[in-house]
Amino acid sequence: MQAMVGDHDHAVSMFKSYAERGDDPELKQWAEKTLPTLQSHERLAKTTAAKIGVAERTSQNQRH
């Protein structure tokens, strides 16, 4: 669950960044369209992790 939450955090961050500052209009539009779904999945992962008592790791800790 920690990995799932971290992966969603990372994906949301990347998609949000591209949706705001991307240089390819079609890809930027796709990122904007996909972002709400990723954010919903992120919330579900965090809720599930909390329900089963799994502490979240920070993105920095996951990468090391």
PDB file of N, CA and C in Angstrom:
ATOM      1  N   MET A   1       0.817  -1.193   0.000  1.00  0.00           N
ATOM      2  CA  MET A   1       0.000   0.000   0.000  1.00  0.00           C
ATOM      3  C   MET A   1       0.862   1.259   0.000  1.00  0.00           C
ATOM      4  N   GLN A   2       1.984   1.207   0.705  1.00  0.00           N
ATOM      5  CA  GLN A   2       2.860   2.385   0.711  1.00  0.00           C
ATOM      6  C   GLN A   2       3.336   2.701  -0.702  1.00  0.00           C
ATOM      7  N   ALA A   3       3.710   1.675  -1.431  1.00  0.00           N
ATOM      8  CA  ALA A   3       4.179   1.879  -2.801  1.00  0.00           C
ATOM      9  C   ALA A   3       3.056   2.405  -3.684  1.00  0.00           C
ATOM     10  N   MET A   4       1.845   1.886  -3.489  1.00  0.00           N
ATOM     11  CA  MET A   4       0.717   2.327  -4.291  1.00  0.00           C
ATOM     12  C   MET A   4       0.412   3.808  -4.037  1.00  0.00           C
ATOM     13  N   VAL A   5       0.409   4.207  -2.783  1.00  0.00           N
ATOM     14  CA  VAL A   5       0.167   5.605  -2.450  1.00  0.00           C
ATOM     15  C   VAL A   5       1.280   6.477  -3.043  1.00  0.00           C
ATOM     16  N   GLY A   6       2.502   6.065  -2.866  1.00  0.00           N
ATOM     17  CA  GLY A   6       3.627   6.832  -3.404  1.00  0.00           C
ATOM     18  C   GLY A   6       3.595   6.944  -4.913  1.00  0.00           C
ATOM     19  N   ASP A   7       3.241   5.855  -5.576  1.00  0.00           N
ATOM     20  CA  ASP A   7       3.157   5.882  -7.040  1.00  0.00           C
ATOM     21  C   ASP A   7       2.059   6.832  -7.508  1.00  0.00           C
ATOM     22  N   HIS A   8       0.931   6.821  -6.804  1.00  0.00           N
ATOM     23  CA  HIS A   8      -0.146   7.746  -7.163  1.00  0.00           C
ATOM     24  C   HIS A   8       0.263   9.198  -6.898  1.00  0.00           C
ATOM     25  N   ASP A   9       0.934   9.443  -5.791  1.00  0.00           N
ATOM     26  CA  ASP A   9       1.431  10.789  -5.499  1.00  0.00           C
ATOM     27  C   ASP A   9       2.333  11.279  -6.637  1.00  0.00           C
ATOM     28  N   HIS A  10       3.222  10.414  -7.047  1.00  0.00           N
ATOM     29  CA  HIS A  10       4.173  10.764  -8.108  1.00  0.00           C
ATOM     30  C   HIS A  10       3.440  11.006  -9.432  1.00  0.00           C
ATOM     31  N   ALA A  11       2.512  10.122  -9.785  1.00  0.00           N
ATOM     32  CA  ALA A  11       1.771  10.267 -11.040  1.00  0.00           C
ATOM     33  C   ALA A  11       0.954  11.555 -11.044  1.00  0.00           C
ATOM     34  N   VAL A  12       0.263  11.837  -9.945  1.00  0.00           N
ATOM     35  CA  VAL A  12      -0.532  13.067  -9.862  1.00  0.00           C
ATOM     36  C   VAL A  12       0.372  14.280 -10.027  1.00  0.00           C
ATOM     37  N   SER A  13       1.509  14.268  -9.385  1.00  0.00           N
ATOM     38  CA  SER A  13       2.444  15.383  -9.491  1.00  0.00           C
ATOM     39  C   SER A  13       2.904  15.592 -10.936  1.00  0.00           C
ATOM     40  N   MET A  14       3.258  14.520 -11.601  1.00  0.00           N
ATOM     41  CA  MET A  14       3.722  14.612 -12.987  1.00  0.00           C
ATOM     42  C   MET A  14       2.619  15.104 -13.925  1.00  0.00           C
ATOM     43  N   PHE A  15       1.427  14.530 -13.793  1.00  0.00           N
ATOM     44  CA  PHE A  15       0.320  14.918 -14.664  1.00  0.00           C
ATOM     45  C   PHE A  15      -0.090  16.369 -14.416  1.00  0.00           C
ATOM     46  N   LYS A  16      -0.122  16.769 -13.149  1.00  0.00           N
ATOM     47  CA  LYS A  16      -0.493  18.140 -12.815  1.00  0.00           C
ATOM     48  C   LYS A  16       0.519  19.114 -13.416  1.00  0.00           C
ATOM     49  N   SER A  17       1.788  18.795 -13.271  1.00  0.00           N
ATOM     50  CA  SER A  17       2.836  19.644 -13.818  1.00  0.00           C
ATOM     51  C   SER A  17       2.700  19.782 -15.332  1.00  0.00           C
ATOM     52  N   TYR A  18       2.477  18.656 -16.018  1.00  0.00           N
ATOM     53  CA  TYR A  18       2.363  18.725 -17.475  1.00  0.00           C
ATOM     54  C   TYR A  18       1.082  19.439 -17.895  1.00  0.00           C
ATOM     55  N   ALA A  19      -0.001  19.213 -17.159  1.00  0.00           N
ATOM     56  CA  ALA A  19      -1.263  19.886 -17.478  1.00  0.00           C
ATOM     57  C   ALA A  19      -1.118  21.395 -17.353  1.00  0.00           C
ATOM     58  N   GLU A  20      -0.285  21.846 -16.441  1.00  0.00           N
ATOM     59  CA  GLU A  20      -0.074  23.279 -16.234  1.00  0.00           C
ATOM     60  C   GLU A  20       0.980  23.874 -17.165  1.00  0.00           C
ATOM     61  N   ARG A  21       2.029  23.110 -17.472  1.00  0.00           N
ATOM     62  CA  ARG A  21       3.156  23.694 -18.196  1.00  0.00           C
ATOM     63  C   ARG A  21       3.623  22.889 -19.412  1.00  0.00           C
ATOM     64  N   GLY A  22       2.839  21.925 -19.841  1.00  0.00           N
ATOM     65  CA  GLY A  22       3.270  21.084 -20.951  1.00  0.00           C
ATOM     66  C   GLY A  22       3.405  21.847 -22.254  1.00  0.00           C
ATOM     67  N   ASP A  23       4.254  21.341 -23.131  1.00  0.00           N
ATOM     68  CA  ASP A  23       4.497  22.044 -24.396  1.00  0.00           C
ATOM     69  C   ASP A  23       3.801  21.396 -25.590  1.00  0.00           C
ATOM     70  N   ASP A  24       3.238  20.215 -25.442  1.00  0.00           N
ATOM     71  CA  ASP A  24       2.500  19.547 -26.511  1.00  0.00           C
ATOM     72  C   ASP A  24       1.007  19.715 -26.210  1.00  0.00           C
ATOM     73  N   PRO A  25       0.279  20.475 -27.019  1.00  0.00           N
ATOM     74  CA  PRO A  25      -1.123  20.769 -26.725  1.00  0.00           C
ATOM     75  C   PRO A  25      -2.006  19.528 -26.552  1.00  0.00           C
ATOM     76  N   GLU A  26      -1.820  18.524 -27.403  1.00  0.00           N
ATOM     77  CA  GLU A  26      -2.636  17.313 -27.284  1.00  0.00           C
ATOM     78  C   GLU A  26      -2.313  16.546 -26.007  1.00  0.00           C
ATOM     79  N   LEU A  27      -1.046  16.419 -25.701  1.00  0.00           N
ATOM     80  CA  LEU A  27      -0.630  15.715 -24.490  1.00  0.00           C
ATOM     81  C   LEU A  27      -1.044  16.494 -23.243  1.00  0.00           C
ATOM     82  N   LYS A  28      -0.958  17.800 -23.321  1.00  0.00           N
ATOM     83  CA  LYS A  28      -1.380  18.645 -22.215  1.00  0.00           C
ATOM     84  C   LYS A  28      -2.873  18.462 -21.952  1.00  0.00           C
ATOM     85  N   GLN A  29      -3.667  18.443 -23.000  1.00  0.00           N
ATOM     86  CA  GLN A  29      -5.111  18.241 -22.863  1.00  0.00           C
ATOM     87  C   GLN A  29      -5.413  16.866 -22.263  1.00  0.00           C
ATOM     88  N   TRP A  30      -4.682  15.848 -22.706  1.00  0.00           N
ATOM     89  CA  TRP A  30      -4.881  14.500 -22.170  1.00  0.00           C
ATOM     90  C   TRP A  30      -4.517  14.445 -20.686  1.00  0.00           C
ATOM     91  N   ALA A  31      -3.439  15.108 -20.315  1.00  0.00           N
ATOM     92  CA  ALA A  31      -3.044  15.153 -18.904  1.00  0.00           C
ATOM     93  C   ALA A  31      -4.118  15.851 -18.077  1.00  0.00           C
ATOM     94  N   GLU A  32      -4.665  16.939 -18.588  1.00  0.00           N
ATOM     95  CA  GLU A  32      -5.738  17.657 -17.891  1.00  0.00           C
ATOM     96  C   GLU A  32      -6.969  16.774 -17.723  1.00  0.00           C
ATOM     97  N   LYS A  33      -7.298  16.018 -18.751  1.00  0.00           N
ATOM     98  CA  LYS A  33      -8.472  15.139 -18.729  1.00  0.00           C
ATOM     99  C   LYS A  33      -8.272  13.952 -17.787  1.00  0.00           C
ATOM    100  N   THR A  34      -7.061  13.439 -17.718  1.00  0.00           N
ATOM    101  CA  THR A  34      -6.755  12.241 -16.930  1.00  0.00           C
ATOM    102  C   THR A  34      -6.513  12.560 -15.458  1.00  0.00           C
ATOM    103  N   LEU A  35      -6.081  13.762 -15.149  1.00  0.00           N
ATOM    104  CA  LEU A  35      -5.711  14.147 -13.793  1.00  0.00           C
ATOM    105  C   LEU A  35      -6.803  13.881 -12.750  1.00  0.00           C
ATOM    106  N   PRO A  36      -8.060  14.231 -12.985  1.00  0.00           N
ATOM    107  CA  PRO A  36      -9.083  13.962 -11.963  1.00  0.00           C
ATOM    108  C   PRO A  36      -9.224  12.473 -11.610  1.00  0.00           C
ATOM    109  N   THR A  37      -9.075  11.617 -12.590  1.00  0.00           N
ATOM    110  CA  THR A  37      -9.146  10.174 -12.328  1.00  0.00           C
ATOM    111  C   THR A  37      -7.974   9.733 -11.462  1.00  0.00           C
ATOM    112  N   LEU A  38      -6.791  10.211 -11.787  1.00  0.00           N
ATOM    113  CA  LEU A  38      -5.614   9.877 -10.981  1.00  0.00           C
ATOM    114  C   LEU A  38      -5.764  10.396  -9.553  1.00  0.00           C
ATOM    115  N   GLN A  39      -6.289  11.595  -9.413  1.00  0.00           N
ATOM    116  CA  GLN A  39      -6.487  12.165  -8.076  1.00  0.00           C
ATOM    117  C   GLN A  39      -7.510  11.352  -7.281  1.00  0.00           C
ATOM    118  N   SER A  40      -8.528  10.871  -7.950  1.00  0.00           N
ATOM    119  CA  SER A  40      -9.517  10.015  -7.287  1.00  0.00           C
ATOM    120  C   SER A  40      -8.877   8.717  -6.823  1.00  0.00           C
ATOM    121  N   HIS A  41      -8.079   8.110  -7.675  1.00  0.00           N
ATOM    122  CA  HIS A  41      -7.375   6.872  -7.311  1.00  0.00           C
ATOM    123  C   HIS A  41      -6.400   7.112  -6.164  1.00  0.00           C
ATOM    124  N   GLU A  42      -5.750   8.267  -6.178  1.00  0.00           N
ATOM    125  CA  GLU A  42      -4.826   8.626  -5.103  1.00  0.00           C
ATOM    126  C   GLU A  42      -5.570   8.699  -3.766  1.00  0.00           C
ATOM    127  N   ARG A  43      -6.727   9.358  -3.779  1.00  0.00           N
ATOM    128  CA  ARG A  43      -7.531   9.463  -2.548  1.00  0.00           C
ATOM    129  C   ARG A  43      -7.959   8.076  -2.055  1.00  0.00           C
ATOM    130  N   LEU A  44      -8.381   7.231  -2.973  1.00  0.00           N
ATOM    131  CA  LEU A  44      -8.790   5.876  -2.589  1.00  0.00           C
ATOM    132  C   LEU A  44      -7.618   5.087  -1.999  1.00  0.00           C
ATOM    133  N   ALA A  45      -6.451   5.217  -2.596  1.00  0.00           N
ATOM    134  CA  ALA A  45      -5.270   4.514  -2.082  1.00  0.00           C
ATOM    135  C   ALA A  45      -4.930   4.997  -0.678  1.00  0.00           C
ATOM    136  N   LYS A  46      -5.003   6.316  -0.467  1.00  0.00           N
ATOM    137  CA  LYS A  46      -4.692   6.868   0.852  1.00  0.00           C
ATOM    138  C   LYS A  46      -5.736   6.441   1.883  1.00  0.00           C
ATOM    139  N   THR A  47      -7.000   6.427   1.491  1.00  0.00           N
ATOM    140  CA  THR A  47      -8.068   6.000   2.392  1.00  0.00           C
ATOM    141  C   THR A  47      -7.897   4.536   2.771  1.00  0.00           C
ATOM    142  N   THR A  48      -7.606   3.714   1.788  1.00  0.00           N
ATOM    143  CA  THR A  48      -7.404   2.285   2.047  1.00  0.00           C
ATOM    144  C   THR A  48      -6.206   2.068   2.950  1.00  0.00           C
ATOM    145  N   ALA A  49      -5.118   2.766   2.668  1.00  0.00           N
ATOM    146  CA  ALA A  49      -3.916   2.634   3.501  1.00  0.00           C
ATOM    147  C   ALA A  49      -4.219   3.013   4.946  1.00  0.00           C
ATOM    148  N   ALA A  50      -4.973   4.082   5.128  1.00  0.00           N
ATOM    149  CA  ALA A  50      -5.314   4.524   6.483  1.00  0.00           C
ATOM    150  C   ALA A  50      -6.194   3.490   7.189  1.00  0.00           C
ATOM    151  N   LYS A  51      -7.121   2.907   6.450  1.00  0.00           N
ATOM    152  CA  LYS A  51      -8.029   1.916   7.044  1.00  0.00           C
ATOM    153  C   LYS A  51      -7.300   0.659   7.502  1.00  0.00           C
ATOM    154  N   ILE A  52      -6.251   0.303   6.791  1.00  0.00           N
ATOM    155  CA  ILE A  52      -5.527  -0.913   7.181  1.00  0.00           C
ATOM    156  C   ILE A  52      -4.303  -0.603   8.039  1.00  0.00           C
ATOM    157  N   GLY A  53      -4.138   0.670   8.356  1.00  0.00           N
ATOM    158  CA  GLY A  53      -3.074   1.057   9.285  1.00  0.00           C
ATOM    159  C   GLY A  53      -1.693   1.132   8.685  1.00  0.00           C
ATOM    160  N   VAL A  54      -1.623   1.398   7.398  1.00  0.00           N
ATOM    161  CA  VAL A  54      -0.324   1.518   6.735  1.00  0.00           C
ATOM    162  C   VAL A  54       0.065   2.985   6.710  1.00  0.00           C
ATOM    163  N   ALA A  55       1.197   3.301   7.298  1.00  0.00           N
ATOM    164  CA  ALA A  55       1.687   4.684   7.311  1.00  0.00           C
ATOM    165  C   ALA A  55       2.201   5.044   5.927  1.00  0.00           C
ATOM    166  N   GLU A  56       1.973   6.290   5.548  1.00  0.00           N
ATOM    167  CA  GLU A  56       2.487   6.767   4.267  1.00  0.00           C
ATOM    168  C   GLU A  56       3.967   7.077   4.381  1.00  0.00           C
ATOM    169  N   ARG A  57       4.695   6.767   3.325  1.00  0.00           N
ATOM    170  CA  ARG A  57       6.087   7.187   3.236  1.00  0.00           C
ATOM    171  C   ARG A  57       6.137   8.394   2.343  1.00  0.00           C
ATOM    172  N   THR A  58       7.100   9.244   2.560  1.00  0.00           N
ATOM    173  CA  THR A  58       7.245  10.405   1.692  1.00  0.00           C
ATOM    174  C   THR A  58       7.849   9.974   0.371  1.00  0.00           C
ATOM    175  N   SER A  59       7.612  10.747  -0.664  1.00  0.00           N
ATOM    176  CA  SER A  59       8.171  10.444  -1.978  1.00  0.00           C
ATOM    177  C   SER A  59       9.677  10.339  -1.916  1.00  0.00           C
ATOM    178  N   GLN A  60      10.313  11.186  -1.119  1.00  0.00           N
ATOM    179  CA  GLN A  60      11.762  11.179  -0.996  1.00  0.00           C
ATOM    180  C   GLN A  60      12.232   9.847  -0.418  1.00  0.00           C
ATOM    181  N   ASN A  61      11.549   9.343   0.607  1.00  0.00           N
ATOM    182  CA  ASN A  61      11.945   8.074   1.201  1.00  0.00           C
ATOM    183  C   ASN A  61      11.735   6.920   0.250  1.00  0.00           C
ATOM    184  N   GLN A  62      10.736   6.970  -0.586  1.00  0.00           N
ATOM    185  CA  GLN A  62      10.456   5.887  -1.520  1.00  0.00           C
ATOM    186  C   GLN A  62      11.542   5.755  -2.566  1.00  0.00           C
ATOM    187  N   ARG A  63      12.086   6.836  -2.980  1.00  0.00           N
ATOM    188  CA  ARG A  63      13.051   6.804  -4.078  1.00  0.00           C
ATOM    189  C   ARG A  63      14.423   6.311  -3.637  1.00  0.00           C
ATOM    190  N   HIS A  64      14.632   6.185  -2.314  1.00  0.00           N
ATOM    191  CA  HIS A  64      15.955   5.784  -1.833  1.00  0.00           C
ATOM    192  C   HIS A  64      15.952   4.372  -1.310  1.00  0.00           C
TER     193      HIS A  64
END
